[in-house]
Amino acid sequence: MTKQGKEYIKKDADKWYERNCSLNHNCFTSYFVDIMPRNYLINSSIAEFGVGRGNNIRFLSNYAKQIDGYDGSKKSILNLKNLKKSIENIDGKHVDLGDQFESLRKYDVIIFGFFTYMLSNEEFNILLNNTKQKLKKGGYIFIYDFLTRKMIENEDFHNKKFKVYKRNLDFYIQKLNEFNLQDFRLWDNRKLKNYLFQDKISLIDSSIENNDYNWTFSGLFKLK
């Protein structure tokens, strides 16, 4: 684990959870369900890395046989354990996503949602190697995160001691070279709250502005 990773788990993971627990990213998971092969999810096991409040897990529990969450925030996992009292097919585990850890089981699908930008390249490599060991043959990784034209490394807005890493599509394609890119979508960050209330055609943004901070991508990658 890097120095930043240790400090984040120790001091900032719960603060990050508290800042972001009200956010709802179901537009991404709803889109994910739509693009997956028909009936694939019925008997599938899914892991979400970066659970937050558990909105995605609640949603996906209606489609998958088992859905597990992993997060660096103890408060996030405690919330997930409370959800488990009413949703039988979910579970959770507190881990450092940038370090080696043991998973609850092997998975058909693994989801990275808005947290890889918090990982250095070293931590991302550890995460990906760890993930591939937990993924079944022919399994999928679904990522949604910030997307830029050039690699950007900045101080975190909320904690100047931490760095954030916003990356371009080439980075993800090169890192996931053992996977085929099955689907790609560009999302306007200013419209995320509206996407759930629009039809599928309107998910496609026809104009791309120069401000890289406006954009998020979702990518579905299948293990070769």
Protein backbone atom coordinates (compact mmCIF):
# COMPACT_ATOMS: atom_id res chain seq x y z
CA MET A 1 0.00 0.00 0.00
CA THR A 2 1.33 3.49 -0.81
CA LYS A 3 1.68 6.22 1.80
CA GLN A 4 -1.35 8.02 0.36
CA GLY A 5 -3.39 4.82 0.48
CA LYS A 6 -2.53 4.24 4.13
CA GLU A 7 -3.41 7.82 5.05
CA TYR A 8 -6.64 7.70 3.07
CA ILE A 9 -7.89 4.54 4.78
CA LYS A 10 -6.86 5.83 8.19
CA LYS A 11 -8.11 9.41 8.00
CA ASP A 12 -10.21 10.22 4.95
CA ALA A 13 -12.25 7.23 3.72
CA ASP A 14 -15.10 7.83 6.16
CA LYS A 15 -15.05 11.57 5.40
CA TRP A 16 -15.29 10.79 1.68
CA TYR A 17 -18.27 8.54 2.41
CA GLU A 18 -20.01 11.26 4.41
CA ARG A 19 -19.46 13.84 1.65
CA ASN A 20 -20.75 11.58 -1.11
CA CYS A 21 -23.30 9.26 0.50
CA SER A 22 -26.21 11.35 -0.79
CA LEU A 23 -25.12 10.93 -4.43
CA ASN A 24 -27.06 8.53 -6.62
CA HIS A 25 -25.25 6.93 -9.57
CA ASN A 26 -28.02 4.56 -10.58
CA CYS A 27 -27.97 6.03 -14.09
CA PHE A 28 -24.73 4.10 -14.66
CA THR A 29 -25.92 0.82 -13.16
CA SER A 30 -29.24 1.09 -14.97
CA TYR A 31 -27.32 1.53 -18.22
CA PHE A 32 -25.07 -1.39 -17.27
CA VAL A 33 -28.11 -3.67 -16.85
CA ASP A 34 -29.41 -2.59 -20.27
CA ILE A 35 -26.19 -3.40 -22.14
CA MET A 36 -25.48 -6.78 -20.54
CA PRO A 37 -26.42 -9.94 -22.51
CA ARG A 38 -30.02 -10.98 -21.88
CA ASN A 39 -30.47 -13.19 -18.80
CA TYR A 40 -26.73 -13.03 -18.01
CA LEU A 41 -27.23 -11.40 -14.63
CA ILE A 42 -29.88 -13.80 -13.29
CA ASN A 43 -27.37 -16.34 -11.99
CA SER A 44 -24.41 -13.99 -11.74
CA SER A 45 -22.30 -12.85 -8.81
CA ILE A 46 -21.31 -9.17 -8.88
CA ALA A 47 -18.78 -7.19 -6.85
CA GLU A 48 -18.90 -3.41 -6.60
CA PHE A 49 -15.64 -1.75 -5.55
CA GLY A 50 -16.39 1.65 -4.03
CA VAL A 51 -19.82 1.09 -2.48
CA GLY A 52 -20.72 4.45 -0.99
CA ARG A 53 -24.20 4.39 0.47
CA GLY A 54 -25.12 1.16 -1.32
CA ASN A 55 -27.59 2.60 -3.84
CA ASN A 56 -26.13 0.56 -6.69
CA ILE A 57 -26.11 -2.61 -4.62
CA ARG A 58 -29.76 -2.18 -3.67
CA PHE A 59 -30.60 -1.70 -7.35
CA LEU A 60 -28.50 -4.62 -8.63
CA SER A 61 -29.80 -7.00 -5.96
CA ASN A 62 -32.99 -7.15 -8.05
CA TYR A 63 -31.07 -8.57 -11.03
CA ALA A 64 -28.13 -10.64 -9.72
CA LYS A 65 -27.97 -13.82 -7.67
CA GLN A 66 -25.33 -12.31 -5.36
CA ILE A 67 -23.97 -8.77 -5.06
CA ASP A 68 -21.04 -7.90 -2.76
CA GLY A 69 -19.56 -4.52 -1.90
CA TYR A 70 -15.99 -3.56 -1.02
CA ASP A 71 -15.04 -0.15 0.35
CA GLY A 72 -12.29 1.61 2.27
CA SER A 73 -14.84 3.31 4.50
CA LYS A 74 -15.91 1.38 7.59
CA LYS A 75 -19.08 3.48 7.73
CA SER A 76 -19.95 2.44 4.19
CA ILE A 77 -19.60 -1.26 5.01
CA LEU A 78 -21.51 -0.85 8.28
CA ASN A 79 -24.36 0.68 6.28
CA LEU A 80 -24.18 -2.26 3.86
CA LYS A 81 -24.35 -4.76 6.72
CA ASN A 82 -27.51 -3.01 7.91
CA LEU A 83 -28.98 -3.28 4.41
CA LYS A 84 -28.23 -7.02 4.48
CA LYS A 85 -30.87 -7.41 7.21
CA SER A 86 -33.56 -6.76 4.59
CA ILE A 87 -31.75 -7.83 1.38
CA GLU A 88 -30.51 -11.41 1.61
CA ASN A 89 -28.36 -11.58 -1.52
CA ILE A 90 -25.86 -8.85 -0.56
CA ASP A 91 -22.70 -8.77 1.54
CA GLY A 92 -19.79 -6.43 2.18
CA LYS A 93 -16.19 -6.22 3.28
CA HIS A 94 -13.92 -3.40 4.45
CA VAL A 95 -10.71 -3.37 2.39
CA ASP A 96 -8.05 -1.08 0.97
CA LEU A 97 -8.86 -1.06 -2.74
CA GLY A 98 -5.25 -0.17 -3.58
CA ASP A 99 -3.79 -3.17 -1.76
CA GLN A 100 -4.02 -6.97 -1.88
CA PHE A 101 -7.05 -8.47 -0.14
CA GLU A 102 -9.09 -11.65 0.01
CA SER A 103 -12.48 -11.57 -1.69
CA LEU A 104 -15.68 -13.17 -0.49
CA ARG A 105 -15.97 -15.28 -3.66
CA LYS A 106 -15.23 -15.21 -7.44
CA TYR A 107 -17.34 -12.99 -9.67
CA ASP A 108 -18.96 -12.82 -13.08
CA VAL A 109 -18.89 -9.01 -13.01
CA ILE A 110 -16.81 -6.46 -11.12
CA ILE A 111 -17.78 -2.78 -11.03
CA PHE A 112 -15.44 0.17 -10.40
CA GLY A 113 -17.54 3.25 -9.68
CA PHE A 114 -15.97 6.70 -9.22
CA PHE A 115 -12.97 5.71 -7.16
CA THR A 116 -10.09 4.79 -9.50
CA TYR A 117 -9.29 8.50 -9.80
CA MET A 118 -8.21 8.27 -6.13
CA LEU A 119 -5.63 5.58 -6.94
CA SER A 120 -2.08 6.18 -8.12
CA ASN A 121 -0.88 4.17 -11.11
CA GLU A 122 0.87 1.77 -8.71
CA GLU A 123 -2.34 1.26 -6.72
CA PHE A 124 -4.39 0.89 -9.90
CA ASN A 125 -2.06 -1.89 -11.07
CA ILE A 126 -2.44 -3.68 -7.73
CA LEU A 127 -6.22 -3.32 -7.91
CA LEU A 128 -6.39 -4.67 -11.45
CA ASN A 129 -4.13 -7.65 -10.74
CA ASN A 130 -6.14 -8.40 -7.63
CA THR A 131 -9.38 -8.07 -9.56
CA LYS A 132 -8.38 -10.46 -12.34
CA GLN A 133 -7.78 -13.18 -9.75
CA LYS A 134 -11.35 -12.70 -8.50
CA LEU A 135 -12.97 -12.63 -11.95
CA LYS A 136 -14.36 -15.77 -13.56
CA LYS A 137 -13.26 -16.76 -17.08
CA GLY A 138 -15.06 -14.59 -19.63
CA GLY A 139 -16.18 -12.21 -16.88
CA TYR A 140 -16.75 -8.47 -17.16
CA ILE A 141 -15.40 -5.30 -15.62
CA PHE A 142 -17.66 -2.24 -15.77
CA ILE A 143 -15.97 1.09 -15.02
CA TYR A 144 -17.39 4.57 -14.72
CA ASP A 145 -15.06 7.40 -13.79
CA PHE A 146 -13.80 10.80 -14.89
CA LEU A 147 -12.34 10.96 -18.41
CA THR A 148 -9.88 13.51 -19.79
CA ARG A 149 -7.99 13.95 -23.04
CA LYS A 150 -4.65 14.11 -21.23
CA MET A 151 -3.53 12.56 -17.95
CA ILE A 152 -4.16 15.02 -15.10
CA GLU A 153 -2.65 14.79 -11.60
CA ASN A 154 -3.94 17.37 -9.12
CA GLU A 155 -4.34 17.99 -5.43
CA ASP A 156 -7.63 16.71 -4.07
CA PHE A 157 -10.08 19.59 -3.66
CA HIS A 158 -11.15 18.40 -0.19
CA ASN A 159 -7.76 17.38 1.18
CA LYS A 160 -4.64 19.00 -0.26
CA LYS A 161 -2.47 16.19 1.15
CA PHE A 162 -3.97 13.75 -1.35
CA LYS A 163 -3.63 13.59 -5.11
CA VAL A 164 -6.28 12.66 -7.66
CA TYR A 165 -5.56 11.11 -11.05
CA LYS A 166 -7.87 11.78 -13.99
CA ARG A 167 -7.03 9.67 -17.01
CA ASN A 168 -7.73 9.25 -20.70
CA LEU A 169 -9.29 6.27 -22.45
CA ASP A 170 -5.93 5.03 -23.74
CA PHE A 171 -4.84 4.47 -20.14
CA TYR A 172 -7.76 2.13 -19.43
CA ILE A 173 -7.46 0.28 -22.74
CA GLN A 174 -3.73 -0.31 -22.23
CA LYS A 175 -4.14 -1.40 -18.61
CA LEU A 176 -7.01 -3.73 -19.50
CA ASN A 177 -5.22 -5.24 -22.50
CA GLU A 178 -6.42 -8.72 -21.49
CA PHE A 179 -9.99 -7.50 -22.02
CA ASN A 180 -12.08 -6.53 -25.03
CA LEU A 181 -13.93 -3.21 -24.84
CA GLN A 182 -17.59 -4.18 -25.37
CA ASP A 183 -19.26 -0.82 -24.81
CA PHE A 184 -18.22 2.81 -24.32
CA ARG A 185 -20.38 5.79 -23.37
CA LEU A 186 -19.50 9.41 -22.65
CA TRP A 187 -21.57 11.18 -19.98
CA ASP A 188 -21.94 14.89 -19.20
CA ASN A 189 -21.32 15.39 -15.47
CA ARG A 190 -23.74 18.32 -15.43
CA LYS A 191 -26.61 16.07 -16.51
CA LEU A 192 -26.13 13.03 -14.27
CA LYS A 193 -29.21 13.79 -12.18
CA ASN A 194 -31.32 13.96 -15.35
CA TYR A 195 -30.16 10.82 -17.16
CA LEU A 196 -32.48 8.48 -15.27
CA PHE A 197 -35.48 10.45 -16.47
CA GLN A 198 -34.51 10.46 -20.15
CA ASP A 199 -34.81 7.81 -22.83
CA LYS A 200 -31.81 5.81 -24.00
CA ILE A 201 -31.25 7.85 -27.15
CA SER A 202 -30.71 11.02 -25.12
CA LEU A 203 -27.83 9.35 -23.26
CA ILE A 204 -25.68 10.07 -26.30
CA ASP A 205 -24.11 13.53 -26.06
CA SER A 206 -23.64 14.90 -29.56
CA SER A 207 -21.36 17.84 -28.74
CA ILE A 208 -18.06 17.63 -26.88
CA GLU A 209 -16.79 20.79 -25.18
CA ASN A 210 -13.16 21.52 -24.45
CA ASN A 211 -13.55 21.47 -20.67
CA ASP A 212 -12.31 18.02 -19.68
CA TYR A 213 -13.73 18.36 -16.18
CA ASN A 214 -17.26 17.98 -17.56
CA TRP A 215 -16.95 14.36 -18.64
CA THR A 216 -17.32 10.87 -17.25
CA PHE A 217 -17.10 7.64 -19.22
CA SER A 218 -18.52 4.19 -18.74
CA GLY A 219 -16.75 1.20 -20.23
CA LEU A 220 -17.72 -2.47 -20.30
CA PHE A 221 -14.67 -4.74 -20.65
CA LYS A 222 -14.84 -8.52 -21.16
CA LEU A 223 -11.98 -10.82 -20.18
CA LYS A 224 -10.60 -12.54 -23.28
